[in-house]
Amino acid sequence: VRIKHRLGQNTITMYDKQGSVLRIETTINQVKGFKTFRAPE
């Protein structure tokens, strides 16, 4: 069984894998709204 939460094009999902592995997975398709510490291009 998996449960998936979507915010626009980005998701966070919880799986049970191979019976003994709990996986939390973040998928990013859209970077709008996120920041990074850098100099201007």
Full PDB file with SEQRES, HELIX, SHEET, SSBOND, CRYST1, ORIGX, SCALE, CONECT and MASTER records, all heavy atoms in Angstrom:
SEQRES   1 A   41  VAL ARG ILE LYS HIS ARG LEU GLY GLN ASN THR ILE THR          
SEQRES   2 A   41  MET TYR ASP LYS GLN GLY SER VAL LEU ARG ILE GLU THR          
SEQRES   3 A   41  THR ILE ASN GLN VAL LYS GLY PHE LYS THR PHE ARG ALA          
SEQRES   4 A   41  PRO GLU                                                      
SHEET    1 AA1 3 ILE A   3  LEU A   7  0                                        
SHEET    2 AA1 3 ASN A  10  LYS A  17 -1                                        
SHEET    3 AA1 3 VAL A  21  THR A  27 -1                                        
CRYST1    1.000    1.000    1.000  90.00  90.00  90.00 P 1           1          
ORIGX1      1.000000  0.000000  0.000000        0.00000                         
ORIGX2      0.000000  1.000000  0.000000        0.00000                         
ORIGX3      0.000000  0.000000  1.000000        0.00000                         
SCALE1      1.000000  0.000000  0.000000        0.00000                         
SCALE2      0.000000  1.000000  0.000000        0.00000                         
SCALE3      0.000000  0.000000  1.000000        0.00000                         
ATOM      1  N   VAL A   1       0.845  -1.195   0.000  1.00  0.00           N  
ATOM      2  CA  VAL A   1       0.000   0.000   0.000  1.00  0.00           C  
ATOM      3  C   VAL A   1       0.874   1.237   0.000  1.00  0.00           C  
ATOM      4  O   VAL A   1       1.876   1.297   0.725  1.00  0.00           O  
ATOM      5  CB  VAL A   1      -0.930   0.004   1.230  1.00  0.00           C  
ATOM      6  CG1 VAL A   1      -1.770   1.279   1.275  1.00  0.00           C  
ATOM      7  CG2 VAL A   1      -1.836  -1.218   1.207  1.00  0.00           C  
ATOM      8  N   ARG A   2       0.507   2.218  -0.801  1.00  0.00           N  
ATOM      9  CA  ARG A   2       1.236   3.484  -0.773  1.00  0.00           C  
ATOM     10  C   ARG A   2       0.256   4.633  -0.588  1.00  0.00           C  
ATOM     11  O   ARG A   2      -0.886   4.608  -1.030  1.00  0.00           O  
ATOM     12  CB  ARG A   2       2.047   3.671  -2.050  1.00  0.00           C  
ATOM     13  CG  ARG A   2       1.247   4.022  -3.304  1.00  0.00           C  
ATOM     14  CD  ARG A   2       1.376   5.505  -3.619  1.00  0.00           C  
ATOM     15  NE  ARG A   2       0.719   5.844  -4.883  1.00  0.00           N  
ATOM     16  CZ  ARG A   2      -0.476   6.404  -4.957  1.00  0.00           C  
ATOM     17  NH1 ARG A   2      -1.174   6.640  -3.868  1.00  0.00           N  
ATOM     18  NH2 ARG A   2      -1.002   6.710  -6.127  1.00  0.00           N  
ATOM     19  N   ILE A   3       0.715   5.685   0.094  1.00  0.00           N  
ATOM     20  CA  ILE A   3      -0.055   6.906   0.273  1.00  0.00           C  
ATOM     21  C   ILE A   3       0.747   8.042  -0.334  1.00  0.00           C  
ATOM     22  O   ILE A   3       1.960   8.140  -0.112  1.00  0.00           O  
ATOM     23  CB  ILE A   3      -0.370   7.171   1.768  1.00  0.00           C  
ATOM     24  CG1 ILE A   3      -1.140   8.471   1.932  1.00  0.00           C  
ATOM     25  CG2 ILE A   3       0.883   7.162   2.616  1.00  0.00           C  
ATOM     26  CD1 ILE A   3      -1.640   8.691   3.351  1.00  0.00           C  
ATOM     27  N   LYS A   4       0.096   8.883  -1.145  1.00  0.00           N  
ATOM     28  CA  LYS A   4       0.807   9.945  -1.862  1.00  0.00           C  
ATOM     29  C   LYS A   4       0.102  11.279  -1.621  1.00  0.00           C  
ATOM     30  O   LYS A   4      -1.119  11.390  -1.741  1.00  0.00           O  
ATOM     31  CB  LYS A   4       0.848   9.652  -3.362  1.00  0.00           C  
ATOM     32  CG  LYS A   4       1.505  10.753  -4.192  1.00  0.00           C  
ATOM     33  CD  LYS A   4       1.700  10.336  -5.645  1.00  0.00           C  
ATOM     34  CE  LYS A   4       2.806   9.313  -5.762  1.00  0.00           C  
ATOM     35  NZ  LYS A   4       3.165   9.034  -7.175  1.00  0.00           N  
ATOM     36  N   HIS A   5       0.915  12.288  -1.293  1.00  0.00           N  
ATOM     37  CA  HIS A   5       0.434  13.660  -1.102  1.00  0.00           C  
ATOM     38  C   HIS A   5       1.006  14.505  -2.242  1.00  0.00           C  
ATOM     39  O   HIS A   5       2.213  14.482  -2.497  1.00  0.00           O  
ATOM     40  CB  HIS A   5       0.899  14.225   0.234  1.00  0.00           C  
ATOM     41  CG  HIS A   5       0.663  13.301   1.395  1.00  0.00           C  
ATOM     42  ND1 HIS A   5      -0.530  13.249   2.081  1.00  0.00           N  
ATOM     43  CD2 HIS A   5       1.483  12.376   1.976  1.00  0.00           C  
ATOM     44  CE1 HIS A   5      -0.438  12.350   3.049  1.00  0.00           C  
ATOM     45  NE2 HIS A   5       0.770  11.805   3.001  1.00  0.00           N  
ATOM     46  N   ARG A   6       0.144  15.279  -2.905  1.00  0.00           N  
ATOM     47  CA  ARG A   6       0.569  16.098  -4.040  1.00  0.00           C  
ATOM     48  C   ARG A   6       0.366  17.574  -3.740  1.00  0.00           C  
ATOM     49  O   ARG A   6      -0.669  17.970  -3.204  1.00  0.00           O  
ATOM     50  CB  ARG A   6      -0.223  15.741  -5.301  1.00  0.00           C  
ATOM     51  CG  ARG A   6       0.006  14.337  -5.829  1.00  0.00           C  
ATOM     52  CD  ARG A   6      -0.842  14.095  -7.078  1.00  0.00           C  
ATOM     53  NE  ARG A   6      -0.589  12.771  -7.652  1.00  0.00           N  
ATOM     54  CZ  ARG A   6      -1.187  11.664  -7.268  1.00  0.00           C  
ATOM     55  NH1 ARG A   6      -2.081  11.723  -6.281  1.00  0.00           N  
ATOM     56  NH2 ARG A   6      -0.916  10.517  -7.848  1.00  0.00           N  
ATOM     57  N   LEU A   7       1.361  18.350  -4.112  1.00  0.00           N  
ATOM     58  CA  LEU A   7       1.261  19.803  -4.096  1.00  0.00           C  
ATOM     59  C   LEU A   7       1.685  20.279  -5.474  1.00  0.00           C  
ATOM     60  O   LEU A   7       2.878  20.372  -5.764  1.00  0.00           O  
ATOM     61  CB  LEU A   7       2.152  20.414  -3.010  1.00  0.00           C  
ATOM     62  CG  LEU A   7       2.235  21.948  -3.007  1.00  0.00           C  
ATOM     63  CD1 LEU A   7       0.857  22.573  -2.821  1.00  0.00           C  
ATOM     64  CD2 LEU A   7       3.186  22.438  -1.917  1.00  0.00           C  
ATOM     65  N   GLY A   8       0.707  20.540  -6.330  1.00  0.00           N  
ATOM     66  CA  GLY A   8       1.028  20.871  -7.711  1.00  0.00           C  
ATOM     67  C   GLY A   8       1.716  19.692  -8.384  1.00  0.00           C  
ATOM     68  O   GLY A   8       1.192  18.582  -8.423  1.00  0.00           O  
ATOM     69  N   GLN A   9       2.927  19.912  -8.879  1.00  0.00           N  
ATOM     70  CA  GLN A   9       3.682  18.867  -9.566  1.00  0.00           C  
ATOM     71  C   GLN A   9       4.653  18.129  -8.656  1.00  0.00           C  
ATOM     72  O   GLN A   9       5.345  17.220  -9.107  1.00  0.00           O  
ATOM     73  CB  GLN A   9       4.452  19.474 -10.742  1.00  0.00           C  
ATOM     74  CG  GLN A   9       3.580  20.144 -11.791  1.00  0.00           C  
ATOM     75  CD  GLN A   9       4.395  20.716 -12.931  1.00  0.00           C  
ATOM     76  OE1 GLN A   9       5.309  20.081 -13.453  1.00  0.00           O  
ATOM     77  NE2 GLN A   9       4.078  21.943 -13.326  1.00  0.00           N  
ATOM     78  N   ASN A  10       4.710  18.498  -7.387  1.00  0.00           N  
ATOM     79  CA  ASN A  10       5.623  17.852  -6.448  1.00  0.00           C  
ATOM     80  C   ASN A  10       4.841  16.929  -5.512  1.00  0.00           C  
ATOM     81  O   ASN A  10       3.678  17.196  -5.202  1.00  0.00           O  
ATOM     82  CB  ASN A  10       6.397  18.888  -5.642  1.00  0.00           C  
ATOM     83  CG  ASN A  10       7.226  19.796  -6.535  1.00  0.00           C  
ATOM     84  OD1 ASN A  10       7.650  19.396  -7.628  1.00  0.00           O  
ATOM     85  ND2 ASN A  10       7.464  21.013  -6.095  1.00  0.00           N  
ATOM     86  N   THR A  11       5.492  15.856  -5.071  1.00  0.00           N  
ATOM     87  CA  THR A  11       4.804  14.876  -4.241  1.00  0.00           C  
ATOM     88  C   THR A  11       5.704  14.388  -3.121  1.00  0.00           C  
ATOM     89  O   THR A  11       6.936  14.474  -3.200  1.00  0.00           O  
ATOM     90  CB  THR A  11       4.352  13.648  -5.059  1.00  0.00           C  
ATOM     91  OG1 THR A  11       5.514  12.939  -5.540  1.00  0.00           O  
ATOM     92  CG2 THR A  11       3.502  14.054  -6.244  1.00  0.00           C  
ATOM     93  N   ILE A  12       5.061  13.852  -2.080  1.00  0.00           N  
ATOM     94  CA  ILE A  12       5.765  13.106  -1.040  1.00  0.00           C  
ATOM     95  C   ILE A  12       4.958  11.834  -0.798  1.00  0.00           C  
ATOM     96  O   ILE A  12       3.735  11.880  -0.663  1.00  0.00           O  
ATOM     97  CB  ILE A  12       5.949  13.945   0.245  1.00  0.00           C  
ATOM     98  CG1 ILE A  12       6.813  13.191   1.256  1.00  0.00           C  
ATOM     99  CG2 ILE A  12       4.625  14.361   0.851  1.00  0.00           C  
ATOM    100  CD1 ILE A  12       7.362  14.075   2.360  1.00  0.00           C  
ATOM    101  N   THR A  13       5.651  10.696  -0.802  1.00  0.00           N  
ATOM    102  CA  THR A  13       4.989   9.399  -0.833  1.00  0.00           C  
ATOM    103  C   THR A  13       5.555   8.493   0.252  1.00  0.00           C  
ATOM    104  O   THR A  13       6.737   8.548   0.560  1.00  0.00           O  
ATOM    105  CB  THR A  13       5.178   8.729  -2.208  1.00  0.00           C  
ATOM    106  OG1 THR A  13       4.850   9.658  -3.241  1.00  0.00           O  
ATOM    107  CG2 THR A  13       4.305   7.499  -2.355  1.00  0.00           C  
ATOM    108  N   MET A  14       4.685   7.635   0.793  1.00  0.00           N  
ATOM    109  CA  MET A  14       5.109   6.622   1.756  1.00  0.00           C  
ATOM    110  C   MET A  14       4.780   5.239   1.190  1.00  0.00           C  
ATOM    111  O   MET A  14       3.669   4.995   0.729  1.00  0.00           O  
ATOM    112  CB  MET A  14       4.408   6.807   3.103  1.00  0.00           C  
ATOM    113  CG  MET A  14       4.800   5.754   4.147  1.00  0.00           C  
ATOM    114  SD  MET A  14       4.135   6.113   5.806  1.00  0.00           S  
ATOM    115  CE  MET A  14       2.373   5.909   5.510  1.00  0.00           C  
ATOM    116  N   TYR A  15       5.766   4.333   1.199  1.00  0.00           N  
ATOM    117  CA  TYR A  15       5.610   2.961   0.711  1.00  0.00           C  
ATOM    118  C   TYR A  15       6.027   1.984   1.796  1.00  0.00           C  
ATOM    119  O   TYR A  15       6.808   2.314   2.682  1.00  0.00           O  
ATOM    120  CB  TYR A  15       6.532   2.679  -0.486  1.00  0.00           C  
ATOM    121  CG  TYR A  15       6.442   3.584  -1.672  1.00  0.00           C  
ATOM    122  CD1 TYR A  15       7.196   4.755  -1.731  1.00  0.00           C  
ATOM    123  CD2 TYR A  15       5.671   3.251  -2.778  1.00  0.00           C  
ATOM    124  CE1 TYR A  15       7.160   5.574  -2.851  1.00  0.00           C  
ATOM    125  CE2 TYR A  15       5.630   4.055  -3.896  1.00  0.00           C  
ATOM    126  CZ  TYR A  15       6.378   5.216  -3.936  1.00  0.00           C  
ATOM    127  OH  TYR A  15       6.343   6.015  -5.047  1.00  0.00           O  
ATOM    128  N   ASP A  16       5.539   0.750   1.681  1.00  0.00           N  
ATOM    129  CA  ASP A  16       6.179  -0.369   2.375  1.00  0.00           C  
ATOM    130  C   ASP A  16       6.815  -1.234   1.293  1.00  0.00           C  
ATOM    131  O   ASP A  16       6.154  -1.694   0.376  1.00  0.00           O  
ATOM    132  CB  ASP A  16       5.186  -1.167   3.227  1.00  0.00           C  
ATOM    133  CG  ASP A  16       3.988  -1.659   2.428  1.00  0.00           C  
ATOM    134  OD1 ASP A  16       3.636  -1.030   1.422  1.00  0.00           O  
ATOM    135  OD2 ASP A  16       3.389  -2.681   2.825  1.00  0.00           O  
ATOM    136  N   LYS A  17       8.126  -1.412   1.383  1.00  0.00           N  
ATOM    137  CA  LYS A  17       8.895  -2.084   0.330  1.00  0.00           C  
ATOM    138  C   LYS A  17       9.433  -3.419   0.844  1.00  0.00           C  
ATOM    139  O   LYS A  17      10.044  -3.488   1.913  1.00  0.00           O  
ATOM    140  CB  LYS A  17      10.079  -1.211  -0.114  1.00  0.00           C  
ATOM    141  CG  LYS A  17       9.689   0.178  -0.597  1.00  0.00           C  
ATOM    142  CD  LYS A  17       9.123   0.159  -1.995  1.00  0.00           C  
ATOM    143  CE  LYS A  17      10.172  -0.171  -3.016  1.00  0.00           C  
ATOM    144  NZ  LYS A  17       9.649  -0.119  -4.399  1.00  0.00           N  
ATOM    145  N   GLN A  18       9.196  -4.464   0.059  1.00  0.00           N  
ATOM    146  CA  GLN A  18       9.763  -5.774   0.343  1.00  0.00           C  
ATOM    147  C   GLN A  18       9.464  -6.268   1.764  1.00  0.00           C  
ATOM    148  O   GLN A  18      10.222  -7.048   2.330  1.00  0.00           O  
ATOM    149  CB  GLN A  18      11.280  -5.752   0.096  1.00  0.00           C  
ATOM    150  CG  GLN A  18      11.679  -5.434  -1.329  1.00  0.00           C  
ATOM    151  CD  GLN A  18      11.162  -6.463  -2.329  1.00  0.00           C  
ATOM    152  OE1 GLN A  18      11.090  -7.639  -2.030  1.00  0.00           O  
ATOM    153  NE2 GLN A  18      10.821  -5.999  -3.526  1.00  0.00           N  
ATOM    154  N   GLY A  19       8.386  -5.778   2.333  1.00  0.00           N  
ATOM    155  CA  GLY A  19       7.928  -6.289   3.624  1.00  0.00           C  
ATOM    156  C   GLY A  19       8.621  -5.714   4.841  1.00  0.00           C  
ATOM    157  O   GLY A  19       8.040  -5.679   5.925  1.00  0.00           O  
ATOM    158  N   SER A  20       9.876  -5.224   4.701  1.00  0.00           N  
ATOM    159  CA  SER A  20      10.609  -4.777   5.886  1.00  0.00           C  
ATOM    160  C   SER A  20      11.257  -3.407   5.715  1.00  0.00           C  
ATOM    161  O   SER A  20      12.078  -3.006   6.535  1.00  0.00           O  
ATOM    162  CB  SER A  20      11.705  -5.797   6.241  1.00  0.00           C  
ATOM    163  OG  SER A  20      12.642  -5.915   5.183  1.00  0.00           O  
ATOM    164  N   VAL A  21      10.912  -2.673   4.649  1.00  0.00           N  
ATOM    165  CA  VAL A  21      11.499  -1.356   4.404  1.00  0.00           C  
ATOM    166  C   VAL A  21      10.380  -0.320   4.313  1.00  0.00           C  
ATOM    167  O   VAL A  21       9.458  -0.461   3.500  1.00  0.00           O  
ATOM    168  CB  VAL A  21      12.325  -1.332   3.100  1.00  0.00           C  
ATOM    169  CG1 VAL A  21      12.878   0.073   2.844  1.00  0.00           C  
ATOM    170  CG2 VAL A  21      13.462  -2.344   3.169  1.00  0.00           C  
ATOM    171  N   LEU A  22      10.440   0.699   5.155  1.00  0.00           N  
ATOM    172  CA  LEU A  22       9.522   1.836   5.104  1.00  0.00           C  
ATOM    173  C   LEU A  22      10.212   2.949   4.340  1.00  0.00           C  
ATOM    174  O   LEU A  22      11.285   3.407   4.740  1.00  0.00           O  
ATOM    175  CB  LEU A  22       9.162   2.297   6.513  1.00  0.00           C  
ATOM    176  CG  LEU A  22       8.292   3.561   6.600  1.00  0.00           C  
ATOM    177  CD1 LEU A  22       6.903   3.295   6.034  1.00  0.00           C  
ATOM    178  CD2 LEU A  22       8.204   4.064   8.033  1.00  0.00           C  
ATOM    179  N   ARG A  23       9.613   3.387   3.242  1.00  0.00           N  
ATOM    180  CA  ARG A  23      10.242   4.408   2.392  1.00  0.00           C  
ATOM    181  C   ARG A  23       9.397   5.667   2.344  1.00  0.00           C  
ATOM    182  O   ARG A  23       8.189   5.620   2.082  1.00  0.00           O  
ATOM    183  CB  ARG A  23      10.440   3.876   0.967  1.00  0.00           C  
ATOM    184  CG  ARG A  23      10.965   4.935  -0.017  1.00  0.00           C  
ATOM    185  CD  ARG A  23      11.357   4.333  -1.350  1.00  0.00           C  
ATOM    186  NE  ARG A  23      12.483   3.422  -1.172  1.00  0.00           N  
ATOM    187  CZ  ARG A  23      12.995   2.681  -2.169  1.00  0.00           C  
ATOM    188  NH1 ARG A  23      12.455   2.740  -3.381  1.00  0.00           N  
ATOM    189  NH2 ARG A  23      14.013   1.883  -1.933  1.00  0.00           N  
ATOM    190  N   ILE A  24      10.044   6.800   2.599  1.00  0.00           N  
ATOM    191  CA  ILE A  24       9.455   8.117   2.398  1.00  0.00           C  
ATOM    192  C   ILE A  24      10.207   8.757   1.231  1.00  0.00           C  
ATOM    193  O   ILE A  24      11.440   8.842   1.263  1.00  0.00           O  
ATOM    194  CB  ILE A  24       9.581   9.007   3.653  1.00  0.00           C  
ATOM    195  CG1 ILE A  24       9.080   8.268   4.900  1.00  0.00           C  
ATOM    196  CG2 ILE A  24       8.833  10.313   3.442  1.00  0.00           C  
ATOM    197  CD1 ILE A  24       7.645   7.836   4.823  1.00  0.00           C  
ATOM    198  N   GLU A  25       9.480   9.200   0.221  1.00  0.00           N  
ATOM    199  CA  GLU A  25      10.126   9.665  -1.014  1.00  0.00           C  
ATOM    200  C   GLU A  25       9.539  10.995  -1.464  1.00  0.00           C  
ATOM    201  O   GLU A  25       8.324  11.138  -1.621  1.00  0.00           O  
ATOM    202  CB  GLU A  25       9.927   8.616  -2.113  1.00  0.00           C  
ATOM    203  CG  GLU A  25      10.582   8.960  -3.435  1.00  0.00           C  
ATOM    204  CD  GLU A  25      10.384   7.845  -4.447  1.00  0.00           C  
ATOM    205  OE1 GLU A  25       9.334   7.826  -5.115  1.00  0.00           O  
ATOM    206  OE2 GLU A  25      11.259   6.962  -4.535  1.00  0.00           O  
ATOM    207  N   THR A  26      10.406  11.964  -1.675  1.00  0.00           N  
ATOM    208  CA  THR A  26      10.011  13.276  -2.186  1.00  0.00           C  
ATOM    209  C   THR A  26      10.389  13.378  -3.657  1.00  0.00           C  
ATOM    210  O   THR A  26      11.536  13.129  -4.027  1.00  0.00           O  
ATOM    211  CB  THR A  26      10.686  14.403  -1.395  1.00  0.00           C  
ATOM    212  OG1 THR A  26      10.200  14.394  -0.044  1.00  0.00           O  
ATOM    213  CG2 THR A  26      10.376  15.762  -2.009  1.00  0.00           C  
ATOM    214  N   THR A  27       9.416  13.742  -4.484  1.00  0.00           N  
ATOM    215  CA  THR A  27       9.631  13.911  -5.921  1.00  0.00           C  
ATOM    216  C   THR A  27       9.432  15.385  -6.274  1.00  0.00           C  
ATOM    217  O   THR A  27       8.383  15.961  -5.959  1.00  0.00           O  
ATOM    218  CB  THR A  27       8.658  13.053  -6.741  1.00  0.00           C  
ATOM    219  OG1 THR A  27       8.850  11.676  -6.409  1.00  0.00           O  
ATOM    220  CG2 THR A  27       8.886  13.238  -8.235  1.00  0.00           C  
ATOM    221  N   ILE A  28      10.439  15.971  -6.902  1.00  0.00           N  
ATOM    222  CA  ILE A  28      10.371  17.385  -7.291  1.00  0.00           C  
ATOM    223  C   ILE A  28      10.396  17.488  -8.812  1.00  0.00           C  
ATOM    224  O   ILE A  28      11.355  17.064  -9.462  1.00  0.00           O  
ATOM    225  CB  ILE A  28      11.538  18.193  -6.692  1.00  0.00           C  
ATOM    226  CG1 ILE A  28      11.436  18.206  -5.158  1.00  0.00           C  
ATOM    227  CG2 ILE A  28      11.528  19.628  -7.219  1.00  0.00           C  
ATOM    228  CD1 ILE A  28      12.547  18.976  -4.481  1.00  0.00           C  
ATOM    229  N   ASN A  29       9.330  18.042  -9.369  1.00  0.00           N  
ATOM    230  CA  ASN A  29       9.254  18.367 -10.786  1.00  0.00           C  
ATOM    231  C   ASN A  29       9.303  19.875 -11.014  1.00  0.00           C  
ATOM    232  O   ASN A  29       9.759  20.328 -12.060  1.00  0.00           O  
ATOM    233  CB  ASN A  29       7.956  17.824 -11.393  1.00  0.00           C  
ATOM    234  CG  ASN A  29       7.905  16.309 -11.403  1.00  0.00           C  
ATOM    235  OD1 ASN A  29       8.553  15.658 -12.205  1.00  0.00           O  
ATOM    236  ND2 ASN A  29       7.123  15.732 -10.498  1.00  0.00           N  
ATOM    237  N   GLN A  30       8.798  20.616 -10.039  1.00  0.00           N  
ATOM    238  CA  GLN A  30       8.709  22.069 -10.152  1.00  0.00           C  
ATOM    239  C   GLN A  30       9.501  22.698  -9.009  1.00  0.00           C  
ATOM    240  O   GLN A  30       9.202  22.474  -7.836  1.00  0.00           O  
ATOM    241  CB  GLN A  30       7.243  22.503 -10.080  1.00  0.00           C  
ATOM    242  CG  GLN A  30       7.013  24.001 -10.076  1.00  0.00           C  
ATOM    243  CD  GLN A  30       7.616  24.694 -11.288  1.00  0.00           C  
ATOM    244  OE1 GLN A  30       8.691  25.310 -11.198  1.00  0.00           O  
ATOM    245  NE2 GLN A  30       6.964  24.571 -12.433  1.00  0.00           N  
ATOM    246  N   VAL A  31      10.540  23.488  -9.365  1.00  0.00           N  
ATOM    247  CA  VAL A  31      11.408  24.071  -8.328  1.00  0.00           C  
ATOM    248  C   VAL A  31      10.929  25.447  -7.870  1.00  0.00           C  
ATOM    249  O   VAL A  31      11.531  26.035  -6.963  1.00  0.00           O  
ATOM    250  CB  VAL A  31      12.859  24.180  -8.847  1.00  0.00           C  
ATOM    251  CG1 VAL A  31      13.415  22.805  -9.162  1.00  0.00           C  
ATOM    252  CG2 VAL A  31      12.942  25.085 -10.077  1.00  0.00           C  
ATOM    253  N   LYS A  32       9.860  25.956  -8.474  1.00  0.00           N  
ATOM    254  CA  LYS A  32       9.361  27.270  -8.086  1.00  0.00           C  
ATOM    255  C   LYS A  32       8.978  27.268  -6.617  1.00  0.00           C  
ATOM    256  O   LYS A  32       8.274  26.384  -6.148  1.00  0.00           O  
ATOM    257  CB  LYS A  32       8.149  27.646  -8.942  1.00  0.00           C  
ATOM    258  CG  LYS A  32       7.630  29.046  -8.676  1.00  0.00           C  
ATOM    259  CD  LYS A  32       6.458  29.379  -9.582  1.00  0.00           C  
ATOM    260  CE  LYS A  32       5.944  30.787  -9.318  1.00  0.00           C  
ATOM    261  NZ  LYS A  32       4.784  31.120 -10.194  1.00  0.00           N  
ATOM    262  N   GLY A  33       9.445  28.258  -5.883  1.00  0.00           N  
ATOM    263  CA  GLY A  33       9.159  28.365  -4.466  1.00  0.00           C  
ATOM    264  C   GLY A  33      10.303  27.930  -3.582  1.00  0.00           C  
ATOM    265  O   GLY A  33      10.327  28.250  -2.390  1.00  0.00           O  
ATOM    266  N   PHE A  34      11.280  27.211  -4.144  1.00  0.00           N  
ATOM    267  CA  PHE A  34      12.444  26.786  -3.375  1.00  0.00           C  
ATOM    268  C   PHE A  34      13.591  27.772  -3.575  1.00  0.00           C  
ATOM    269  O   PHE A  34      13.705  28.418  -4.624  1.00  0.00           O  
ATOM    270  CB  PHE A  34      12.896  25.390  -3.792  1.00  0.00           C  
ATOM    271  CG  PHE A  34      11.876  24.321  -3.519  1.00  0.00           C  
ATOM    272  CD1 PHE A  34      11.366  23.558  -4.556  1.00  0.00           C  
ATOM    273  CD2 PHE A  34      11.425  24.077  -2.238  1.00  0.00           C  
ATOM    274  CE1 PHE A  34      10.421  22.576  -4.316  1.00  0.00           C  
ATOM    275  CE2 PHE A  34      10.481  23.103  -1.979  1.00  0.00           C  
ATOM    276  CZ  PHE A  34       9.980  22.349  -3.022  1.00  0.00           C  
ATOM    277  N   LYS A  35      14.460  27.864  -2.582  1.00  0.00           N  
ATOM    278  CA  LYS A  35      15.581  28.796  -2.618  1.00  0.00           C  
ATOM    279  C   LYS A  35      16.904  28.043  -2.490  1.00  0.00           C  
ATOM    280  O   LYS A  35      16.960  26.952  -1.909  1.00  0.00           O  
ATOM    281  CB  LYS A  35      15.468  29.817  -1.479  1.00  0.00           C  
ATOM    282  CG  LYS A  35      14.201  30.657  -1.489  1.00  0.00           C  
ATOM    283  CD  LYS A  35      14.222  31.696  -2.584  1.00  0.00           C  
ATOM    284  CE  LYS A  35      13.010  32.629  -2.462  1.00  0.00           C  
ATOM    285  NZ  LYS A  35      13.020  33.693  -3.501  1.00  0.00           N  
ATOM    286  N   THR A  36      17.957  28.657  -3.017  1.00  0.00           N  
ATOM    287  CA  THR A  36      19.306  28.131  -2.854  1.00  0.00           C  
ATOM    288  C   THR A  36      20.250  29.292  -2.579  1.00  0.00           C  
ATOM    289  O   THR A  36      20.054  30.406  -3.092  1.00  0.00           O  
ATOM    290  CB  THR A  36      19.746  27.351  -4.109  1.00  0.00           C  
ATOM    291  OG1 THR A  36      21.039  26.790  -3.891  1.00  0.00           O  
ATOM    292  CG2 THR A  36      19.791  28.247  -5.330  1.00  0.00           C  
ATOM    293  N   PHE A  37      21.265  29.047  -1.756  1.00  0.00           N  
ATOM    294  CA  PHE A  37      22.204  30.101  -1.361  1.00  0.00           C  
ATOM    295  C   PHE A  37      23.310  30.189  -2.413  1.00  0.00           C  
ATOM    296  O   PHE A  37      24.164  29.307  -2.500  1.00  0.00           O  
ATOM    297  CB  PHE A  37      22.794  29.778   0.012  1.00  0.00           C  
ATOM    298  CG  PHE A  37      23.523  30.922   0.649  1.00  0.00           C  
ATOM    299  CD1 PHE A  37      22.843  32.064   1.054  1.00  0.00           C  
ATOM    300  CD2 PHE A  37      24.890  30.861   0.851  1.00  0.00           C  
ATOM    301  CE1 PHE A  37      23.507  33.116   1.652  1.00  0.00           C  
ATOM    302  CE2 PHE A  37      25.566  31.909   1.446  1.00  0.00           C  
ATOM    303  CZ  PHE A  37      24.879  33.042   1.838  1.00  0.00           C  
ATOM    304  N   ARG A  38      23.270  31.230  -3.230  1.00  0.00           N  
ATOM    305  CA  ARG A  38      24.223  31.352  -4.338  1.00  0.00           C  
ATOM    306  C   ARG A  38      24.358  32.812  -4.750  1.00  0.00           C  
ATOM    307  O   ARG A  38      23.603  33.684  -4.292  1.00  0.00           O  
ATOM    308  CB  ARG A  38      23.739  30.541  -5.537  1.00  0.00           C  
ATOM    309  CG  ARG A  38      22.393  30.992  -6.097  1.00  0.00           C  
ATOM    310  CD  ARG A  38      21.966  30.177  -7.295  1.00  0.00           C  
ATOM    311  NE  ARG A  38      20.652  30.537  -7.797  1.00  0.00           N  
ATOM    312  CZ  ARG A  38      20.407  31.516  -8.654  1.00  0.00           C  
ATOM    313  NH1 ARG A  38      21.418  32.265  -9.098  1.00  0.00           N  
ATOM    314  NH2 ARG A  38      19.183  31.777  -9.071  1.00  0.00           N  
ATOM    315  N   ALA A  39      25.328  33.047  -5.621  1.00  0.00           N  
ATOM    316  CA  ALA A  39      25.500  34.376  -6.200  1.00  0.00           C  
ATOM    317  C   ALA A  39      24.631  34.493  -7.462  1.00  0.00           C  
ATOM    318  O   ALA A  39      24.329  33.480  -8.097  1.00  0.00           O  
ATOM    319  CB  ALA A  39      26.965  34.616  -6.560  1.00  0.00           C  
ATOM    320  N   PRO A  40      24.224  35.699  -7.841  1.00  0.00           N  
ATOM    321  CA  PRO A  40      23.453  35.860  -9.080  1.00  0.00           C  
ATOM    322  C   PRO A  40      24.253  35.374 -10.281  1.00  0.00           C  
ATOM    323  O   PRO A  40      25.475  35.526 -10.338  1.00  0.00           O  
ATOM    324  CB  PRO A  40      23.199  37.367  -9.155  1.00  0.00           C  
ATOM    325  CG  PRO A  40      23.360  37.854  -7.745  1.00  0.00           C  
ATOM    326  CD  PRO A  40      24.398  36.976  -7.129  1.00  0.00           C  
ATOM    327  N   GLU A  41      23.578  34.774 -11.258  1.00  0.00           N  
ATOM    328  CA  GLU A  41      24.271  34.256 -12.436  1.00  0.00           C  
ATOM    329  C   GLU A  41      24.981  35.365 -13.203  1.00  0.00           C  
ATOM    330  O   GLU A  41      26.051  35.159 -13.768  1.00  0.00           O  
ATOM    331  CB  GLU A  41      23.274  33.535 -13.342  1.00  0.00           C  
ATOM    332  CG  GLU A  41      22.702  32.271 -12.731  1.00  0.00           C  
ATOM    333  CD  GLU A  41      21.750  31.568 -13.680  1.00  0.00           C  
ATOM    334  OE1 GLU A  41      21.374  32.186 -14.697  1.00  0.00           O  
ATOM    335  OE2 GLU A  41      21.380  30.411 -13.411  1.00  0.00           O  
TER     336      GLU A  41                                                      
MASTER        0    0    0    0    3    0    0    6  335    1    0    4          
END                                                                             
